[in-house]
N, C-alpha and C. Protein backbone atom coordinates (compact mmCIF):
# COMPACT_ATOMS: atom_id res chain seq x y z
N MET A 1 39.37 52.34 39.98
CA MET A 1 40.42 52.77 40.91
C MET A 1 41.03 51.53 41.53
N SER A 2 42.39 51.51 41.52
CA SER A 2 43.06 50.35 42.02
C SER A 2 43.45 50.56 43.51
N ILE A 3 43.54 49.48 44.22
CA ILE A 3 43.91 49.53 45.63
C ILE A 3 45.42 49.31 45.70
N ILE A 4 46.05 50.18 46.47
CA ILE A 4 47.54 50.04 46.67
C ILE A 4 47.77 49.61 48.10
N LYS A 5 48.54 48.59 48.18
CA LYS A 5 48.82 47.97 49.51
C LYS A 5 49.81 48.89 50.26
N TRP A 6 49.50 49.27 51.43
CA TRP A 6 50.42 50.12 52.25
C TRP A 6 51.31 49.23 53.02
N ALA A 7 52.63 49.56 52.99
CA ALA A 7 53.65 48.84 53.75
C ALA A 7 54.40 49.77 54.64
N ALA A 8 54.31 49.48 55.93
CA ALA A 8 54.97 50.34 56.94
C ALA A 8 56.53 50.32 56.72
N THR A 9 57.02 49.17 56.31
CA THR A 9 58.51 49.08 56.13
C THR A 9 58.95 49.98 55.00
N LYS A 10 58.14 50.14 53.93
CA LYS A 10 58.53 51.04 52.83
C LYS A 10 58.67 52.49 53.33
N GLU A 11 57.73 52.89 54.14
CA GLU A 11 57.73 54.27 54.70
C GLU A 11 58.97 54.41 55.60
N LEU A 12 59.29 53.47 56.41
CA LEU A 12 60.44 53.52 57.30
C LEU A 12 61.74 53.51 56.47
N ASN A 13 61.81 52.65 55.46
CA ASN A 13 63.00 52.62 54.60
C ASN A 13 63.22 53.95 53.89
N ASP A 14 62.16 54.56 53.40
CA ASP A 14 62.25 55.87 52.73
C ASP A 14 62.78 56.92 53.69
N MET A 15 62.27 56.85 54.92
CA MET A 15 62.65 57.85 55.92
C MET A 15 64.14 57.60 56.32
N LYS A 16 64.54 56.32 56.42
CA LYS A 16 65.93 56.03 56.77
C LYS A 16 66.86 56.52 55.68
N ARG A 17 66.50 56.27 54.38
CA ARG A 17 67.29 56.69 53.27
C ARG A 17 67.44 58.23 53.25
N GLU A 18 66.36 58.96 53.52
CA GLU A 18 66.44 60.43 53.60
C GLU A 18 67.38 60.91 54.73
N MET A 19 67.26 60.26 55.89
CA MET A 19 68.11 60.62 57.01
C MET A 19 69.54 60.34 56.75
N ASP A 20 69.86 59.18 56.07
CA ASP A 20 71.25 58.85 55.76
C ASP A 20 71.79 59.86 54.75
N LYS A 21 70.98 60.28 53.83
CA LYS A 21 71.40 61.31 52.86
C LYS A 21 71.72 62.63 53.57
N LEU A 22 70.87 62.99 54.51
CA LEU A 22 71.03 64.26 55.28
C LEU A 22 72.37 64.22 56.08
N PHE A 23 72.61 63.12 56.74
CA PHE A 23 73.85 62.97 57.55
C PHE A 23 75.08 62.90 56.68
N GLU A 24 74.94 62.23 55.52
CA GLU A 24 76.08 62.11 54.59
C GLU A 24 76.44 63.46 54.10
N GLU A 25 75.47 64.30 53.75
CA GLU A 25 75.75 65.65 53.23
C GLU A 25 76.38 66.50 54.30
N PHE A 26 75.87 66.37 55.56
CA PHE A 26 76.37 67.22 56.63
C PHE A 26 77.76 66.85 57.09
N PHE A 27 78.08 65.58 57.14
CA PHE A 27 79.34 65.15 57.68
C PHE A 27 80.33 64.72 56.61
N SER A 28 80.04 64.98 55.37
CA SER A 28 80.95 64.55 54.31
C SER A 28 82.22 65.41 54.27
N PRO A 29 83.35 64.85 53.82
CA PRO A 29 84.59 65.61 53.82
C PRO A 29 84.52 66.84 52.94
N VAL A 30 83.63 66.84 51.97
CA VAL A 30 83.45 68.00 51.12
C VAL A 30 82.88 69.20 51.89
N ALA A 31 82.05 68.92 52.92
CA ALA A 31 81.48 69.99 53.71
C ALA A 31 82.54 70.82 54.43
N GLY A 32 83.67 70.21 54.76
CA GLY A 32 84.72 70.93 55.45
C GLY A 32 85.48 71.86 54.57
N ILE A 33 85.39 71.69 53.26
CA ILE A 33 86.15 72.59 52.37
C ILE A 33 85.21 73.53 51.59
N ARG A 34 83.99 73.57 51.92
CA ARG A 34 83.09 74.48 51.23
C ARG A 34 83.53 75.88 51.62
N ARG A 35 83.43 76.79 50.67
CA ARG A 35 83.90 78.17 50.83
C ARG A 35 82.86 79.04 51.44
N SER A 36 81.63 78.70 51.37
CA SER A 36 80.52 79.42 52.02
C SER A 36 79.36 78.53 52.07
N TYR A 37 78.36 78.93 52.80
CA TYR A 37 77.16 78.10 52.85
C TYR A 37 75.92 79.07 52.89
N VAL A 38 74.79 78.47 52.54
CA VAL A 38 73.53 79.24 52.54
C VAL A 38 72.80 78.82 53.77
N LYS A 39 72.51 79.81 54.64
CA LYS A 39 71.76 79.50 55.83
C LYS A 39 70.38 78.96 55.43
N PRO A 40 70.00 77.85 56.00
CA PRO A 40 68.73 77.23 55.61
C PRO A 40 67.58 78.17 55.91
N GLY A 41 66.71 78.34 54.89
CA GLY A 41 65.53 79.21 54.99
C GLY A 41 65.76 80.68 54.85
N SER A 42 67.04 81.08 54.86
CA SER A 42 67.25 82.54 54.77
C SER A 42 67.58 83.05 53.37
N GLY A 43 68.19 82.12 52.57
CA GLY A 43 68.55 82.51 51.23
C GLY A 43 69.85 83.43 51.21
N VAL A 44 70.44 83.60 52.35
CA VAL A 44 71.63 84.46 52.47
C VAL A 44 72.88 83.61 52.52
N ILE A 45 73.82 83.92 51.66
CA ILE A 45 75.09 83.21 51.61
C ILE A 45 75.98 83.80 52.69
N THR A 46 76.59 82.93 53.48
CA THR A 46 77.43 83.37 54.60
C THR A 46 78.90 82.94 54.37
N PRO A 47 79.81 83.86 54.21
CA PRO A 47 81.20 83.47 54.10
C PRO A 47 81.74 82.81 55.34
N ILE A 48 82.62 81.86 55.19
CA ILE A 48 83.25 81.17 56.30
C ILE A 48 84.42 81.97 56.75
N ILE A 49 84.51 82.18 58.08
CA ILE A 49 85.62 82.99 58.60
C ILE A 49 86.40 82.30 59.70
N GLU A 50 87.55 82.87 60.02
CA GLU A 50 88.26 82.49 61.23
C GLU A 50 88.78 83.76 61.87
N MET A 51 88.77 83.79 63.19
CA MET A 51 89.25 84.94 63.94
C MET A 51 90.22 84.50 64.97
N PHE A 52 91.38 85.17 65.05
CA PHE A 52 92.39 84.76 65.97
C PHE A 52 93.15 85.92 66.53
N ASP A 53 93.81 85.68 67.67
CA ASP A 53 94.65 86.68 68.33
C ASP A 53 96.10 86.61 67.93
N ARG A 54 96.64 87.71 67.50
CA ARG A 54 98.06 87.78 67.12
C ARG A 54 98.69 88.93 68.00
N GLU A 55 99.48 88.59 68.92
CA GLU A 55 100.05 89.52 69.91
C GLU A 55 99.44 90.87 70.09
N ASN A 56 99.59 91.75 69.09
CA ASN A 56 99.08 93.15 69.22
C ASN A 56 97.80 93.35 68.36
N ASP A 57 97.33 92.32 67.67
CA ASP A 57 96.22 92.47 66.75
C ASP A 57 95.20 91.32 66.96
N ILE A 58 94.03 91.58 66.49
CA ILE A 58 93.00 90.54 66.28
C ILE A 58 92.84 90.44 64.77
N VAL A 59 92.92 89.24 64.21
CA VAL A 59 92.82 89.06 62.78
C VAL A 59 91.56 88.27 62.43
N ILE A 60 90.90 88.67 61.41
CA ILE A 60 89.75 87.98 60.84
C ILE A 60 90.09 87.64 59.41
N LYS A 61 89.93 86.39 59.03
CA LYS A 61 90.15 85.98 57.65
C LYS A 61 88.86 85.36 57.15
N ALA A 62 88.46 85.81 55.91
CA ALA A 62 87.26 85.26 55.32
C ALA A 62 87.57 84.76 53.91
N ASP A 63 87.11 83.60 53.55
CA ASP A 63 87.32 83.08 52.19
C ASP A 63 86.36 83.76 51.27
N MET A 64 86.95 84.38 50.23
CA MET A 64 86.18 85.13 49.25
C MET A 64 86.64 84.75 47.83
N PRO A 65 86.54 83.51 47.45
CA PRO A 65 87.02 83.11 46.12
C PRO A 65 86.25 83.83 44.97
N GLY A 66 86.98 84.43 44.10
CA GLY A 66 86.38 85.08 42.92
C GLY A 66 85.69 86.42 43.16
N VAL A 67 85.81 86.92 44.40
CA VAL A 67 85.20 88.22 44.67
C VAL A 67 86.22 89.34 44.49
N ASN A 68 85.76 90.43 43.84
CA ASN A 68 86.67 91.59 43.67
C ASN A 68 86.46 92.50 44.89
N LYS A 69 87.48 93.29 45.17
CA LYS A 69 87.42 94.19 46.33
C LYS A 69 86.32 95.21 46.19
N GLU A 70 85.95 95.50 44.97
CA GLU A 70 84.86 96.48 44.69
C GLU A 70 83.52 95.92 45.12
N ASP A 71 83.43 94.60 45.23
CA ASP A 71 82.15 93.93 45.56
C ASP A 71 82.02 93.62 47.03
N ILE A 72 82.89 94.16 47.89
CA ILE A 72 82.86 93.94 49.33
C ILE A 72 82.62 95.23 50.02
N ASP A 73 81.75 95.20 51.02
CA ASP A 73 81.51 96.35 51.90
C ASP A 73 81.79 95.90 53.33
N LEU A 74 82.60 96.68 54.02
CA LEU A 74 82.86 96.43 55.43
C LEU A 74 82.39 97.60 56.25
N LEU A 75 81.59 97.33 57.30
CA LEU A 75 81.09 98.34 58.13
C LEU A 75 81.35 97.99 59.60
N ILE A 76 81.66 98.93 60.47
CA ILE A 76 81.97 98.66 61.85
C ILE A 76 81.03 99.47 62.69
N THR A 77 80.35 98.75 63.60
CA THR A 77 79.55 99.43 64.64
C THR A 77 80.40 99.30 65.93
N GLU A 78 79.88 99.59 67.08
CA GLU A 78 80.60 99.53 68.34
C GLU A 78 81.27 98.19 68.58
N ASP A 79 80.51 97.11 68.39
CA ASP A 79 81.04 95.80 68.72
C ASP A 79 80.75 94.76 67.63
N THR A 80 80.51 95.21 66.40
CA THR A 80 80.18 94.29 65.31
C THR A 80 80.87 94.71 64.02
N LEU A 81 81.38 93.74 63.31
CA LEU A 81 81.84 93.96 61.94
C LEU A 81 80.82 93.41 61.03
N ILE A 82 80.37 94.17 60.05
CA ILE A 82 79.40 93.72 59.06
C ILE A 82 80.15 93.54 57.77
N LEU A 83 80.10 92.33 57.29
CA LEU A 83 80.81 91.97 56.01
C LEU A 83 79.70 91.62 54.99
N LYS A 84 79.62 92.42 53.98
CA LYS A 84 78.62 92.07 52.93
C LYS A 84 79.14 92.35 51.54
N GLY A 85 78.55 91.75 50.54
CA GLY A 85 78.96 91.94 49.21
C GLY A 85 78.22 90.94 48.29
N GLU A 86 78.93 90.53 47.19
CA GLU A 86 78.23 89.71 46.22
C GLU A 86 79.23 88.79 45.56
N TYR A 87 78.85 87.47 45.44
CA TYR A 87 79.52 86.53 44.59
C TYR A 87 78.91 86.66 43.25
N LYS A 88 79.65 87.06 42.22
CA LYS A 88 79.09 87.27 40.83
C LYS A 88 79.54 86.12 39.92
N LYS A 89 78.67 85.77 39.04
CA LYS A 89 79.03 84.79 37.98
C LYS A 89 79.93 85.52 36.95
N THR A 90 80.96 84.83 36.48
CA THR A 90 81.82 85.42 35.48
C THR A 90 81.33 85.23 34.08
N GLU A 91 80.46 84.20 33.90
CA GLU A 91 79.90 83.95 32.60
C GLU A 91 78.49 83.29 32.81
N GLU A 92 77.66 83.52 31.85
CA GLU A 92 76.29 82.93 31.90
C GLU A 92 76.31 81.53 31.32
N ILE A 93 75.93 80.59 32.12
CA ILE A 93 75.83 79.19 31.65
C ILE A 93 74.37 78.72 31.80
N LYS A 94 73.89 78.10 30.75
CA LYS A 94 72.47 77.59 30.83
C LYS A 94 72.36 76.52 31.88
N GLU A 95 71.23 76.49 32.59
CA GLU A 95 71.00 75.56 33.65
C GLU A 95 71.14 74.12 33.20
N GLU A 96 70.68 73.88 32.00
CA GLU A 96 70.69 72.46 31.48
C GLU A 96 72.12 71.99 31.07
N SER A 97 73.07 72.93 31.04
CA SER A 97 74.41 72.62 30.64
C SER A 97 75.27 72.07 31.82
N TYR A 98 74.76 72.21 33.06
CA TYR A 98 75.53 71.79 34.23
C TYR A 98 75.52 70.29 34.38
N TYR A 99 76.69 69.76 34.75
CA TYR A 99 76.77 68.37 35.22
C TYR A 99 76.77 68.37 36.79
N LEU A 100 77.39 69.43 37.32
CA LEU A 100 77.52 69.55 38.77
C LEU A 100 77.55 70.99 39.10
N LYS A 101 76.83 71.36 40.17
CA LYS A 101 76.81 72.86 40.50
C LYS A 101 76.79 72.93 42.03
N GLU A 102 77.96 73.21 42.61
CA GLU A 102 78.10 73.35 44.11
C GLU A 102 78.31 74.84 44.51
N LYS A 103 78.78 75.64 43.58
CA LYS A 103 79.00 77.03 43.90
C LYS A 103 77.69 77.78 44.04
N THR A 104 77.77 78.81 44.95
CA THR A 104 76.62 79.67 45.11
C THR A 104 76.89 81.03 44.69
N TYR A 105 75.96 81.76 44.10
CA TYR A 105 76.19 83.10 43.65
C TYR A 105 75.11 83.97 44.24
N GLY A 106 75.42 85.24 44.44
CA GLY A 106 74.47 86.15 45.00
C GLY A 106 75.06 86.97 46.15
N ASN A 107 74.24 87.65 46.81
CA ASN A 107 74.66 88.52 47.92
C ASN A 107 75.04 87.69 49.17
N PHE A 108 76.09 88.17 49.85
CA PHE A 108 76.47 87.51 51.11
C PHE A 108 76.43 88.55 52.19
N LEU A 109 76.30 88.04 53.44
CA LEU A 109 76.23 88.87 54.61
C LEU A 109 76.73 88.06 55.78
N ARG A 110 77.56 88.78 56.58
CA ARG A 110 78.02 88.11 57.84
C ARG A 110 78.24 89.14 58.88
N ASN A 111 77.59 89.05 60.07
CA ASN A 111 77.80 89.88 61.19
C ASN A 111 78.71 89.21 62.13
N ILE A 112 79.84 89.81 62.46
CA ILE A 112 80.85 89.23 63.33
C ILE A 112 80.96 90.03 64.60
N ALA A 113 80.69 89.37 65.72
CA ALA A 113 80.82 90.06 67.00
C ALA A 113 82.31 90.22 67.30
N LEU A 114 82.67 91.47 67.63
CA LEU A 114 84.05 91.74 67.91
C LEU A 114 84.36 91.73 69.41
N PRO A 115 85.54 91.20 69.74
CA PRO A 115 85.89 91.24 71.18
C PRO A 115 86.13 92.68 71.69
N SER A 116 86.09 92.88 72.96
CA SER A 116 86.35 94.21 73.49
C SER A 116 87.84 94.51 73.44
N GLY A 117 88.11 95.78 73.53
CA GLY A 117 89.53 96.17 73.59
C GLY A 117 90.17 96.43 72.20
N LEU A 118 89.34 96.52 71.19
CA LEU A 118 89.91 96.81 69.80
C LEU A 118 89.87 98.26 69.53
N ASP A 119 90.87 98.73 68.82
CA ASP A 119 90.91 100.14 68.34
C ASP A 119 90.31 100.14 66.95
N THR A 120 88.99 100.47 66.87
CA THR A 120 88.29 100.42 65.56
C THR A 120 88.75 101.55 64.63
N GLU A 121 89.54 102.42 65.12
CA GLU A 121 90.09 103.48 64.18
C GLU A 121 91.36 102.90 63.49
N LYS A 122 91.98 101.90 64.06
CA LYS A 122 93.21 101.29 63.47
C LYS A 122 92.83 99.91 62.94
N VAL A 123 92.22 99.94 61.77
CA VAL A 123 91.87 98.67 61.15
C VAL A 123 92.30 98.69 59.68
N LYS A 124 92.77 97.53 59.22
CA LYS A 124 93.25 97.41 57.88
C LYS A 124 92.69 96.16 57.23
N ALA A 125 92.27 96.28 55.97
CA ALA A 125 91.70 95.17 55.24
C ALA A 125 92.34 94.98 53.91
N THR A 126 92.77 93.72 53.60
CA THR A 126 93.38 93.41 52.32
C THR A 126 92.77 92.17 51.75
N LEU A 127 92.66 92.14 50.41
CA LEU A 127 92.11 90.95 49.74
C LEU A 127 93.25 90.40 48.84
N LYS A 128 93.64 89.19 49.12
CA LYS A 128 94.73 88.57 48.37
C LYS A 128 94.49 87.12 48.17
N ASN A 129 94.57 86.69 46.92
CA ASN A 129 94.35 85.24 46.56
C ASN A 129 93.01 84.71 47.11
N GLY A 130 91.99 85.52 47.05
CA GLY A 130 90.67 85.07 47.46
C GLY A 130 90.44 85.00 48.96
N VAL A 131 91.35 85.56 49.71
CA VAL A 131 91.19 85.65 51.18
C VAL A 131 91.17 87.06 51.66
N LEU A 132 90.06 87.49 52.31
CA LEU A 132 89.99 88.83 52.89
C LEU A 132 90.59 88.77 54.29
N GLU A 133 91.60 89.57 54.56
CA GLU A 133 92.19 89.61 55.91
C GLU A 133 91.93 91.02 56.49
N ILE A 134 91.31 91.06 57.67
CA ILE A 134 90.97 92.25 58.36
C ILE A 134 91.77 92.24 59.66
N VAL A 135 92.62 93.22 59.86
CA VAL A 135 93.48 93.30 61.07
C VAL A 135 93.04 94.49 61.91
N PHE A 136 92.67 94.23 63.18
CA PHE A 136 92.32 95.25 64.18
C PHE A 136 93.46 95.36 65.14
N ALA A 137 93.91 96.60 65.40
CA ALA A 137 94.92 96.80 66.43
C ALA A 137 94.19 96.74 67.81
N LYS A 138 94.91 96.24 68.77
CA LYS A 138 94.35 96.24 70.14
C LYS A 138 94.69 97.54 70.82
N LYS A 139 93.78 97.99 71.67
CA LYS A 139 94.07 99.14 72.50
C LYS A 139 95.16 98.74 73.50
N GLU A 140 95.94 99.72 73.94
CA GLU A 140 97.06 99.44 74.83
C GLU A 140 96.62 98.68 76.07
N GLU A 141 95.49 99.07 76.65
CA GLU A 141 95.05 98.39 77.88
C GLU A 141 94.62 96.98 77.66
N ALA A 142 94.29 96.60 76.41
CA ALA A 142 93.83 95.26 76.09
C ALA A 142 95.01 94.30 75.78
N LYS A 143 96.17 94.83 75.54
CA LYS A 143 97.31 93.97 75.24
C LYS A 143 97.76 93.22 76.49
N ILE A 144 98.11 91.96 76.30
CA ILE A 144 98.53 91.16 77.42
C ILE A 144 99.93 91.54 77.79
N LYS A 145 100.06 91.93 79.02
CA LYS A 145 101.38 92.31 79.52
C LYS A 145 101.91 91.11 80.33
N GLU A 146 103.15 90.79 80.16
CA GLU A 146 103.75 89.66 80.75
C GLU A 146 104.84 90.14 81.76
N ARG A 147 104.79 89.59 82.93
CA ARG A 147 105.81 89.93 83.90
C ARG A 147 106.08 88.65 84.74
N LYS A 148 107.28 88.51 85.13
CA LYS A 148 107.70 87.35 85.90
C LYS A 148 107.35 87.55 87.37
N ILE A 149 106.84 86.50 88.03
CA ILE A 149 106.54 86.53 89.45
C ILE A 149 107.49 85.60 90.17
N GLU A 150 108.18 86.14 91.14
CA GLU A 150 109.12 85.35 91.90
C GLU A 150 108.36 84.44 92.85
N VAL A 151 108.75 83.19 92.88
CA VAL A 151 108.18 82.22 93.85
C VAL A 151 109.09 82.13 95.10
N SER A 152 108.47 82.33 96.24
CA SER A 152 109.27 82.24 97.47
C SER A 152 109.00 80.96 98.27
């Protein structure tokens, strides 16, 4: 049995290299354009969304590249929109044939907390060019009313 000399600097250098790799992956420009991500430890793919106010509506947009409308389920509870479905492979490719593999496939799930004042009976969803757009109408009392106040 041979004796291996232990070097503290090697351990520290290895740890520094791993931390650099972690930060590089997290803050890289590519991370900003990823279409979805896998929550660590959950195995669930989560679509990236944006939600914004448009005068009489609240709009939610979710990136869904390559997803067919038949593969999407939308459910509404009192205050939550549940977006689920599946990213499917269009063709089978052997694992050893890949040079690079960044896309994820499988089931996705996203629970989106909805703001108050939405009319959940008046909701419309469309899928166009890989973007799912969900438009909720606001209830009358939730719409911002503007009036001028005289200054004296």
